[in-house]
Each structure stands twice: as structure tokens, then as C-alpha cells.
N, C-alpha and C. Protein backbone atom coordinates (compact mmCIF):
# COMPACT_ATOMS: atom_id res chain seq x y z
N MET A 1 0.89 126.71 61.86
CA MET A 1 1.07 127.25 60.65
C MET A 1 0.38 126.46 59.58
N GLN A 2 -0.34 127.26 58.76
CA GLN A 2 -1.04 126.59 57.64
C GLN A 2 -0.23 126.54 56.35
N MET A 3 -0.17 125.36 55.92
CA MET A 3 0.57 125.08 54.66
C MET A 3 -0.25 125.58 53.42
N ASN A 4 0.43 126.05 52.49
CA ASN A 4 -0.13 126.33 51.21
C ASN A 4 -0.42 125.07 50.53
N PRO A 5 -1.40 124.96 49.57
CA PRO A 5 -1.63 123.78 48.85
C PRO A 5 -0.53 122.84 48.30
N SER A 6 0.41 123.70 47.63
CA SER A 6 1.47 122.98 47.02
C SER A 6 2.49 122.53 48.07
N VAL A 7 2.64 123.18 49.10
CA VAL A 7 3.49 122.67 50.18
C VAL A 7 2.91 121.35 50.78
N GLU A 8 1.58 121.46 51.08
CA GLU A 8 0.89 120.39 51.59
C GLU A 8 0.95 119.01 50.67
N LYS A 9 0.84 119.27 49.44
CA LYS A 9 0.69 118.09 48.52
C LYS A 9 2.23 117.56 48.53
N PHE A 10 3.25 118.49 48.39
CA PHE A 10 4.71 118.02 48.41
C PHE A 10 4.95 117.13 49.71
N VAL A 11 4.59 117.80 50.85
CA VAL A 11 4.85 117.12 52.16
C VAL A 11 4.17 115.75 52.31
N LEU A 12 2.96 115.66 51.79
CA LEU A 12 2.04 114.52 51.74
C LEU A 12 2.77 113.34 50.96
N HIS A 13 3.13 113.86 49.70
CA HIS A 13 3.83 112.95 48.73
C HIS A 13 5.10 112.47 49.21
N TRP A 14 5.90 113.26 49.83
CA TRP A 14 7.28 113.00 50.33
C TRP A 14 7.19 112.00 51.53
N GLY A 15 6.27 112.13 52.26
CA GLY A 15 5.92 111.17 53.30
C GLY A 15 5.52 109.79 52.79
N GLU A 16 4.81 109.80 51.65
CA GLU A 16 4.47 108.47 51.01
C GLU A 16 5.65 107.76 50.34
N MET A 17 6.57 108.73 49.83
CA MET A 17 7.67 108.18 49.09
C MET A 17 8.63 107.71 50.26
N GLY A 18 8.80 108.42 51.32
CA GLY A 18 9.62 107.95 52.42
C GLY A 18 9.44 106.61 52.86
N THR A 19 8.06 106.20 52.89
CA THR A 19 7.72 104.69 53.37
C THR A 19 8.19 103.82 52.27
N LYS A 20 8.21 104.16 51.05
CA LYS A 20 8.70 103.22 49.99
C LYS A 20 10.15 103.09 50.09
N TRP A 21 10.93 104.04 50.63
CA TRP A 21 12.31 104.09 50.75
C TRP A 21 12.79 103.49 52.11
N GLY A 22 11.84 103.14 53.01
CA GLY A 22 12.23 102.48 54.25
C GLY A 22 12.32 103.58 55.30
N VAL A 23 11.61 104.82 55.11
CA VAL A 23 11.69 105.81 56.13
C VAL A 23 10.31 106.07 56.66
N ASN A 24 10.24 106.41 57.88
CA ASN A 24 8.91 106.62 58.60
C ASN A 24 8.26 107.69 57.91
N ARG A 25 7.03 107.72 57.65
CA ARG A 25 6.32 108.88 57.00
C ARG A 25 6.56 110.22 57.70
N THR A 26 6.30 110.17 58.83
CA THR A 26 6.47 111.38 59.74
C THR A 26 7.86 112.02 59.53
N VAL A 27 8.97 111.19 59.73
CA VAL A 27 10.21 111.68 59.36
C VAL A 27 10.32 112.31 58.01
N SER A 28 9.84 111.72 57.05
CA SER A 28 9.92 112.29 55.67
C SER A 28 9.08 113.53 55.52
N GLN A 29 7.87 113.65 56.21
CA GLN A 29 7.13 114.83 56.02
C GLN A 29 7.76 115.89 56.85
N ILE A 30 8.50 115.68 57.96
CA ILE A 30 9.00 116.78 58.76
C ILE A 30 10.20 117.32 57.82
N HIS A 31 10.98 116.44 57.36
CA HIS A 31 12.06 116.91 56.52
C HIS A 31 11.68 117.68 55.27
N ALA A 32 10.58 117.13 54.69
CA ALA A 32 10.08 117.93 53.46
C ALA A 32 9.41 119.23 53.94
N LEU A 33 8.89 119.40 54.99
CA LEU A 33 8.29 120.68 55.55
C LEU A 33 9.52 121.64 55.88
N LEU A 34 10.52 121.22 56.48
CA LEU A 34 11.62 122.03 56.87
C LEU A 34 12.33 122.53 55.70
N TYR A 35 12.50 121.58 54.62
CA TYR A 35 13.11 121.98 53.42
C TYR A 35 12.43 123.01 52.63
N LEU A 36 11.03 122.75 52.42
CA LEU A 36 10.37 123.76 51.69
C LEU A 36 10.10 125.08 52.44
N ILE A 37 9.89 125.15 53.56
CA ILE A 37 9.66 126.35 54.35
C ILE A 37 11.06 127.18 54.40
N GLY A 38 12.09 126.42 54.63
CA GLY A 38 13.40 127.17 54.48
C GLY A 38 13.75 128.09 55.68
N LYS A 39 13.05 127.89 56.81
CA LYS A 39 13.29 128.69 57.93
C LYS A 39 13.13 127.56 59.13
N PRO A 40 13.82 127.90 60.26
CA PRO A 40 13.80 127.08 61.52
C PRO A 40 12.26 127.00 62.05
N MET A 41 11.91 125.90 62.48
CA MET A 41 10.60 125.69 63.15
C MET A 41 10.95 124.80 64.48
N ASN A 42 9.97 125.18 65.52
CA ASN A 42 10.30 124.55 66.77
C ASN A 42 9.26 123.18 66.67
N ALA A 43 9.40 122.37 67.62
CA ALA A 43 8.66 121.11 67.52
C ALA A 43 7.09 121.44 67.69
N ASP A 44 6.70 122.53 68.42
CA ASP A 44 5.23 122.74 68.60
C ASP A 44 4.73 123.20 67.33
N GLU A 45 5.49 124.04 66.55
CA GLU A 45 4.98 124.44 65.17
C GLU A 45 4.84 123.28 64.21
N ILE A 46 5.77 122.29 64.33
CA ILE A 46 5.71 121.09 63.53
C ILE A 46 4.46 120.40 63.73
N VAL A 47 4.33 120.16 65.05
CA VAL A 47 3.05 119.36 65.66
C VAL A 47 1.81 119.93 65.02
N ASP A 48 1.74 121.46 65.15
CA ASP A 48 0.49 122.08 64.62
C ASP A 48 0.41 121.95 63.19
N THR A 49 1.49 122.16 62.53
CA THR A 49 1.45 122.17 60.98
C THR A 49 1.02 120.75 60.48
N LEU A 50 1.66 119.81 60.93
CA LEU A 50 1.48 118.42 60.37
C LEU A 50 0.38 117.69 61.01
N GLY A 51 -0.03 118.07 62.28
CA GLY A 51 -1.10 117.44 62.97
C GLY A 51 -0.72 116.02 63.41
N VAL A 52 0.43 115.91 64.07
CA VAL A 52 0.96 114.57 64.48
C VAL A 52 1.33 114.81 66.00
N ALA A 53 1.49 113.65 66.57
CA ALA A 53 1.77 113.79 68.00
C ALA A 53 3.05 114.31 68.31
N ARG A 54 3.16 115.00 69.52
CA ARG A 54 4.36 115.56 69.87
C ARG A 54 5.59 114.53 70.02
N SER A 55 5.22 113.36 70.62
CA SER A 55 6.16 112.29 70.71
C SER A 55 6.71 111.82 69.35
N ASN A 56 5.81 111.81 68.33
CA ASN A 56 6.23 111.33 67.01
C ASN A 56 7.10 112.28 66.33
N VAL A 57 6.78 113.68 66.66
CA VAL A 57 7.83 114.72 66.16
C VAL A 57 9.17 114.63 66.86
N SER A 58 9.20 114.38 68.16
CA SER A 58 10.42 114.31 68.88
C SER A 58 11.23 113.03 68.38
N ASN A 59 10.71 111.96 68.27
CA ASN A 59 11.32 110.75 67.71
C ASN A 59 11.77 110.96 66.28
N SER A 60 11.01 111.69 65.48
CA SER A 60 11.32 111.85 64.03
C SER A 60 12.44 112.83 64.01
N ILE A 61 12.48 113.92 64.74
CA ILE A 61 13.63 114.77 64.83
C ILE A 61 15.02 114.09 65.11
N LYS A 62 14.92 113.26 66.13
CA LYS A 62 16.11 112.52 66.55
C LYS A 62 16.55 111.69 65.32
N GLU A 63 15.63 111.20 64.70
CA GLU A 63 16.06 110.07 63.42
C GLU A 63 16.61 111.12 62.34
N LEU A 64 16.12 112.17 61.97
CA LEU A 64 16.59 113.15 61.17
C LEU A 64 18.01 113.66 61.55
N GLN A 65 18.19 113.94 62.78
CA GLN A 65 19.55 114.35 63.36
C GLN A 65 20.50 113.12 63.22
N SER A 66 20.14 111.97 63.41
CA SER A 66 21.09 111.00 63.23
C SER A 66 21.39 110.70 61.87
N LEU A 67 20.60 111.07 60.92
CA LEU A 67 20.79 111.06 59.47
C LEU A 67 21.65 112.30 58.98
N ASN A 68 21.94 113.18 59.96
CA ASN A 68 22.54 114.56 59.55
C ASN A 68 21.70 115.29 58.65
N LEU A 69 20.44 115.24 58.77
CA LEU A 69 19.62 115.97 57.70
C LEU A 69 18.98 117.21 58.50
N VAL A 70 19.01 117.23 59.83
CA VAL A 70 18.36 118.24 60.58
C VAL A 70 19.26 118.70 61.68
N GLN A 71 19.35 120.09 61.85
CA GLN A 71 20.30 120.66 62.78
C GLN A 71 19.40 121.55 63.81
N THR A 72 19.88 121.50 64.98
CA THR A 72 19.26 122.21 66.03
C THR A 72 19.80 123.68 66.07
N VAL A 73 18.83 124.69 65.96
CA VAL A 73 19.37 126.09 66.06
C VAL A 73 18.58 126.84 67.24
N HIS A 74 19.28 127.87 67.61
CA HIS A 74 18.56 128.71 68.77
C HIS A 74 18.24 130.07 68.27
N ILE A 75 17.15 130.75 68.78
CA ILE A 75 16.63 131.92 68.37
C ILE A 75 16.81 132.81 69.64
N LEU A 76 17.49 133.92 69.55
CA LEU A 76 17.72 134.82 70.76
C LEU A 76 16.39 135.24 71.43
N GLY A 77 16.41 135.04 72.71
CA GLY A 77 15.28 135.32 73.52
C GLY A 77 14.20 134.19 73.61
N ASP A 78 14.46 133.10 72.93
CA ASP A 78 13.64 131.92 73.03
C ASP A 78 14.33 130.71 73.45
N ARG A 79 13.86 130.06 74.42
CA ARG A 79 14.43 128.89 75.08
C ARG A 79 14.24 127.62 74.38
N ARG A 80 13.29 127.64 73.45
CA ARG A 80 12.98 126.26 72.68
C ARG A 80 14.14 126.04 71.62
N ASP A 81 14.17 124.71 71.22
CA ASP A 81 14.93 124.37 70.25
C ASP A 81 14.24 124.55 68.91
N TYR A 82 14.88 125.03 67.89
CA TYR A 82 14.34 125.04 66.56
C TYR A 82 15.06 124.16 65.66
N PHE A 83 14.50 123.83 64.53
CA PHE A 83 15.14 122.72 63.73
C PHE A 83 15.09 123.29 62.20
N THR A 84 16.29 122.94 61.68
CA THR A 84 16.40 123.46 60.21
C THR A 84 17.03 122.28 59.41
N THR A 85 16.96 122.50 58.17
CA THR A 85 17.56 121.58 57.22
C THR A 85 18.19 122.48 56.13
N GLY A 86 19.03 121.86 55.32
CA GLY A 86 19.55 122.56 54.20
C GLY A 86 18.55 122.78 53.15
N THR A 87 18.85 123.70 52.14
CA THR A 87 17.82 123.92 51.12
C THR A 87 18.51 123.70 49.86
N ASP A 88 19.62 123.12 49.79
CA ASP A 88 20.19 122.72 48.40
C ASP A 88 20.02 121.29 48.19
N VAL A 89 19.17 121.00 47.23
CA VAL A 89 18.72 119.62 46.94
C VAL A 89 19.86 118.69 46.79
N TRP A 90 20.98 119.13 46.12
CA TRP A 90 22.08 118.34 45.84
C TRP A 90 22.83 118.03 46.97
N THR A 91 23.03 119.06 47.94
CA THR A 91 23.71 118.80 49.21
C THR A 91 22.99 117.76 49.96
N LEU A 92 21.65 117.97 50.05
CA LEU A 92 20.76 117.07 50.78
C LEU A 92 20.88 115.52 50.17
N ALA A 93 20.85 115.40 49.01
CA ALA A 93 20.97 114.12 48.21
C ALA A 93 22.31 113.50 48.59
N LYS A 94 23.40 114.24 48.63
CA LYS A 94 24.66 113.70 49.09
C LYS A 94 24.69 113.21 50.47
N ILE A 95 24.17 113.99 51.37
CA ILE A 95 23.95 113.52 52.82
C ILE A 95 23.25 112.21 52.89
N ILE A 96 22.15 112.15 52.18
CA ILE A 96 21.33 110.89 52.27
C ILE A 96 22.07 109.64 51.69
N ILE A 97 22.79 110.02 50.62
CA ILE A 97 23.54 108.84 49.89
C ILE A 97 24.60 108.40 50.90
N GLU A 98 25.36 109.30 51.54
CA GLU A 98 26.54 109.11 52.50
C GLU A 98 26.04 108.16 53.53
N GLU A 99 24.73 108.73 54.17
CA GLU A 99 24.24 108.01 55.30
C GLU A 99 23.73 106.48 54.98
N ARG A 100 23.09 106.37 53.77
CA ARG A 100 22.75 105.32 53.30
C ARG A 100 23.81 104.24 53.16
N TYR A 101 24.98 104.72 52.57
CA TYR A 101 26.07 103.96 52.35
C TYR A 101 26.67 103.57 53.74
N ARG A 102 26.81 104.45 54.69
CA ARG A 102 27.31 103.99 55.98
C ARG A 102 26.48 103.04 56.65
N ARG A 103 25.14 103.07 56.52
CA ARG A 103 24.23 102.27 57.28
C ARG A 103 24.00 100.94 56.46
N GLU A 104 24.07 100.93 55.07
CA GLU A 104 23.56 99.81 54.39
C GLU A 104 24.81 99.12 53.55
N LEU A 105 25.42 99.83 52.82
CA LEU A 105 26.39 99.36 51.97
C LEU A 105 27.67 98.89 52.60
N ALA A 106 28.24 99.90 53.32
CA ALA A 106 29.55 99.56 54.08
C ALA A 106 29.55 98.32 54.86
N PRO A 107 28.51 98.11 55.63
CA PRO A 107 28.38 96.73 56.36
C PRO A 107 28.15 95.55 55.53
N THR A 108 27.68 95.77 54.43
CA THR A 108 27.49 94.77 53.42
C THR A 108 28.89 94.31 52.90
N VAL A 109 29.65 95.34 52.43
CA VAL A 109 31.06 95.07 51.86
C VAL A 109 31.89 94.42 53.03
N THR A 110 31.77 94.86 54.23
CA THR A 110 32.57 94.29 55.34
C THR A 110 32.09 92.81 55.52
N PHE A 111 30.80 92.57 55.58
CA PHE A 111 30.24 91.25 55.63
C PHE A 111 30.79 90.47 54.68
N LEU A 112 30.71 90.65 53.49
CA LEU A 112 31.26 89.90 52.20
C LEU A 112 32.65 89.63 52.33
N GLU A 113 33.50 90.60 52.68
CA GLU A 113 34.91 90.46 52.96
C GLU A 113 35.25 89.39 53.99
N ASP A 114 34.54 89.55 55.22
CA ASP A 114 34.69 88.72 56.29
C ASP A 114 34.33 87.27 55.96
N LEU A 115 33.21 87.27 55.09
CA LEU A 115 32.71 85.76 54.71
C LEU A 115 33.59 85.16 53.84
N MET A 116 34.18 85.91 52.91
CA MET A 116 35.21 85.34 51.94
C MET A 116 36.48 84.95 52.67
N GLN A 117 36.79 85.56 53.75
CA GLN A 117 38.00 85.11 54.68
C GLN A 117 37.72 84.09 55.61
N SER A 118 36.56 83.67 55.76
CA SER A 118 36.10 82.63 56.74
C SER A 118 36.60 81.21 56.24
N PRO A 119 36.82 80.32 57.23
CA PRO A 119 37.40 78.89 56.86
C PRO A 119 36.23 78.16 56.11
N GLU A 120 34.93 78.35 56.44
CA GLU A 120 33.81 77.76 55.86
C GLU A 120 33.71 78.15 54.22
N PHE A 121 34.09 79.38 53.95
CA PHE A 121 33.95 79.77 52.56
C PHE A 121 34.90 78.93 51.68
N ALA A 122 36.01 78.54 52.21
CA ALA A 122 36.86 77.71 51.22
C ALA A 122 36.41 76.40 51.04
N GLN A 123 35.40 76.03 51.82
CA GLN A 123 34.83 74.70 51.86
C GLN A 123 33.52 74.70 50.98
N GLU A 124 33.04 75.93 50.57
CA GLU A 124 31.78 76.15 49.94
C GLU A 124 31.85 75.67 48.36
N ASN A 125 30.70 75.42 47.91
CA ASN A 125 30.51 75.10 46.49
C ASN A 125 31.17 76.16 45.61
N PRO A 126 31.83 75.80 44.66
CA PRO A 126 32.57 76.82 43.77
C PRO A 126 31.68 77.79 43.07
N ALA A 127 30.47 77.41 42.75
CA ALA A 127 29.65 78.24 42.09
C ALA A 127 29.01 79.26 43.08
N VAL A 128 28.84 78.90 44.41
CA VAL A 128 28.40 79.72 45.45
C VAL A 128 29.69 80.77 45.73
N ARG A 129 30.80 80.35 45.83
CA ARG A 129 31.97 81.18 46.12
C ARG A 129 32.06 82.25 44.98
N GLN A 130 31.81 81.83 43.82
CA GLN A 130 32.02 82.72 42.68
C GLN A 130 30.93 83.78 42.71
N ARG A 131 29.64 83.47 43.03
CA ARG A 131 28.70 84.40 43.15
C ARG A 131 28.78 85.39 44.23
N ILE A 132 29.35 84.87 45.38
CA ILE A 132 29.66 85.74 46.47
C ILE A 132 30.66 86.73 46.08
N LYS A 133 31.78 86.25 45.49
CA LYS A 133 32.87 87.08 45.01
C LYS A 133 32.31 88.08 44.03
N GLU A 134 31.58 87.69 43.10
CA GLU A 134 30.95 88.67 42.18
C GLU A 134 30.07 89.69 42.77
N THR A 135 29.34 89.27 43.81
CA THR A 135 28.45 90.27 44.55
C THR A 135 29.35 91.19 45.26
N HIS A 136 30.47 90.71 45.94
CA HIS A 136 31.40 91.63 46.59
C HIS A 136 31.92 92.60 45.57
N HIS A 137 32.40 92.10 44.45
CA HIS A 137 33.07 93.01 43.34
C HIS A 137 32.02 94.11 42.90
N PHE A 138 30.79 93.75 42.80
CA PHE A 138 29.79 94.59 42.32
C PHE A 138 29.56 95.66 43.37
N VAL A 139 29.30 95.28 44.68
CA VAL A 139 29.01 96.17 45.65
C VAL A 139 30.13 97.08 45.86
N ALA A 140 31.28 96.59 45.92
CA ALA A 140 32.56 97.36 46.21
C ALA A 140 32.83 98.42 45.06
N THR A 141 32.47 97.94 43.80
CA THR A 141 32.74 98.81 42.62
C THR A 141 31.62 99.89 42.73
N LEU A 142 30.46 99.55 42.89
CA LEU A 142 29.38 100.63 43.08
C LEU A 142 29.61 101.59 44.22
N THR A 143 30.01 101.02 45.28
CA THR A 143 30.19 102.01 46.47
C THR A 143 31.33 102.82 46.14
N GLY A 144 32.42 102.24 45.60
CA GLY A 144 33.68 103.08 45.24
C GLY A 144 33.19 104.28 44.22
N TRP A 145 32.36 103.88 43.26
CA TRP A 145 31.93 104.96 42.27
C TRP A 145 31.00 105.97 42.91
N VAL A 146 30.16 105.55 43.89
CA VAL A 146 29.33 106.57 44.56
C VAL A 146 30.18 107.49 45.45
N MET A 147 31.06 106.89 46.10
CA MET A 147 32.01 107.80 47.07
C MET A 147 32.81 108.76 46.14
N GLU A 148 33.28 108.29 44.98
CA GLU A 148 33.94 109.19 44.01
C GLU A 148 32.97 110.44 43.63
N MET A 149 31.77 109.98 43.32
CA MET A 149 30.66 110.86 42.85
C MET A 149 30.47 112.05 43.88
N LEU A 150 30.35 111.56 45.09
CA LEU A 150 29.99 112.48 46.32
C LEU A 150 31.11 113.37 46.60
N LYS A 151 32.39 113.22 46.05
CA LYS A 151 33.46 114.16 46.24
C LYS A 151 33.24 115.38 45.27
N LEU A 152 32.47 115.16 44.25
CA LEU A 152 32.24 116.17 43.18
C LEU A 152 31.48 117.39 43.78
N SER A 153 31.65 118.67 43.16
CA SER A 153 30.85 119.57 43.54
C SER A 153 29.42 119.42 42.98
N SER A 154 28.36 120.08 43.60
CA SER A 154 26.98 119.79 43.18
C SER A 154 26.82 120.10 41.63
N THR A 155 27.55 121.13 41.27
CA THR A 155 27.43 121.60 39.83
C THR A 155 27.97 120.52 38.92
N THR A 156 29.17 119.92 39.19
CA THR A 156 29.73 118.91 38.45
C THR A 156 29.11 117.65 38.50
N LEU A 157 28.51 117.37 39.74
CA LEU A 157 27.63 116.02 39.79
C LEU A 157 26.50 116.19 38.96
N ALA A 158 25.76 117.25 38.98
CA ALA A 158 24.59 117.47 38.13
C ALA A 158 25.04 117.33 36.69
N ARG A 159 26.17 117.83 36.20
CA ARG A 159 26.61 117.68 34.89
C ARG A 159 26.78 116.18 34.56
N VAL A 160 27.51 115.55 35.41
CA VAL A 160 27.81 114.05 35.22
C VAL A 160 26.46 113.20 35.09
N LEU A 161 25.46 113.49 35.92
CA LEU A 161 24.34 112.87 35.89
C LEU A 161 23.54 113.04 34.70
N LYS A 162 23.53 114.42 34.20
CA LYS A 162 22.96 114.63 32.96
C LYS A 162 23.47 114.10 31.78
N LEU A 163 24.69 113.62 31.75
CA LEU A 163 25.31 112.88 30.74
C LEU A 163 24.62 111.56 30.60
N GLY A 164 24.29 110.96 31.66
CA GLY A 164 23.51 109.77 31.61
C GLY A 164 24.03 108.63 30.66
N ALA A 165 23.16 108.04 29.99
CA ALA A 165 23.52 106.98 29.02
C ALA A 165 24.37 107.58 27.94
N GLY A 166 24.37 108.89 27.66
CA GLY A 166 25.29 109.42 26.57
C GLY A 166 26.77 109.06 26.76
N ILE A 167 27.19 108.90 27.95
CA ILE A 167 28.58 108.51 28.24
C ILE A 167 28.93 107.36 27.43
N GLN A 168 28.16 106.49 26.99
CA GLN A 168 28.37 105.32 26.16
C GLN A 168 29.13 105.61 24.90
N ARG A 169 28.84 106.83 24.37
CA ARG A 169 29.54 107.23 23.18
C ARG A 169 31.08 107.44 23.37
N PHE A 170 31.39 107.86 24.51
CA PHE A 170 32.81 107.93 24.90
C PHE A 170 33.47 106.68 25.25
N LEU A 171 32.75 105.74 25.73
CA LEU A 171 33.35 104.52 25.99
C LEU A 171 33.40 103.49 24.93
N GLY A 172 32.72 103.58 23.93
CA GLY A 172 32.57 102.79 22.76
C GLY A 172 31.75 101.50 22.94
């Protein structure tokens, strides 16, 4: 499949951004392609469109599936697997945030809680203990807020985010 110029630019940019976010370039490009195209594609179509190795596509699809961003679908009369992703950007953002929370923030909260319960923590320098407690409080508060925001509908979440710094007026 030949990409239109805007699609190609978006896919290339998303791949570059993915590397800055700690995601493999091809993983990001495949997700961007599936998102923009909005229809299922099989691995061979993805290989031909992006010009990457079949093994790279297979590994990238597995990563996207582990992130709950890509699903396998089947087309009647075709034995190949096809892959698709959601087309609602808000839903996709929620999935990404939930997965990053699960992989990055939740283990950090658990680590900090375990650290604060350890015998050596009680023997630690008071300033260090305080900073660890503050870090735990910050991460726990942030993740609690994020999890509450993820419960909101996409429409409500968009409205909350549009409030931005304007919410300071209500808080004083």
C-alpha cells in the first residue's frame, strides 16, 4: 500500500516521537499507520507499506498487543491474521496511560512502600527518609489522580484538560 504524503509524514514523525517516549520506532510507526488507515491490515501489508523486515513487524505487533493497543481480527475467507487499533484518540491515550501506569508507576509505588517498611529504612538518615516519603506521597497522589481521570468519559476528560491552569480560579 502506498501512503499519502500526510500519512507518511505522520507515521514517520510518530516513529521519531516513539523513540523519545521509550518505544521502538517501528512499534510506533505501525500503531500510527493502523490508527490513521482505520482498517485492518495483515503483516505483509504492513511490511510492504513501511518497508521494514517481517520479523520486525511480528515483534512490533506482539509489543502493541501486550500494550493492549492492537487487536487481531480475521476476515472471512482469508487465513491470515489482520491487525487493527482503535480510532478514538482519547480512548487510545487512556490505554497508553493505563499501561504506562501498570508498567512504570505501580511498581514504583510498591517499591517505595516496601522500602519504607524495611528495617534499614528506620536506620536511614532522617533527611533521606523524609525525601523518600515525599517521593512516595507525590507518586501515589499523582497516580491516584491519573486513575480517577481515566474513569471519566472521553468527553468529560477533554473538558477537564481544557480547564488547564484556569482551575486555579476555583481553588483560590
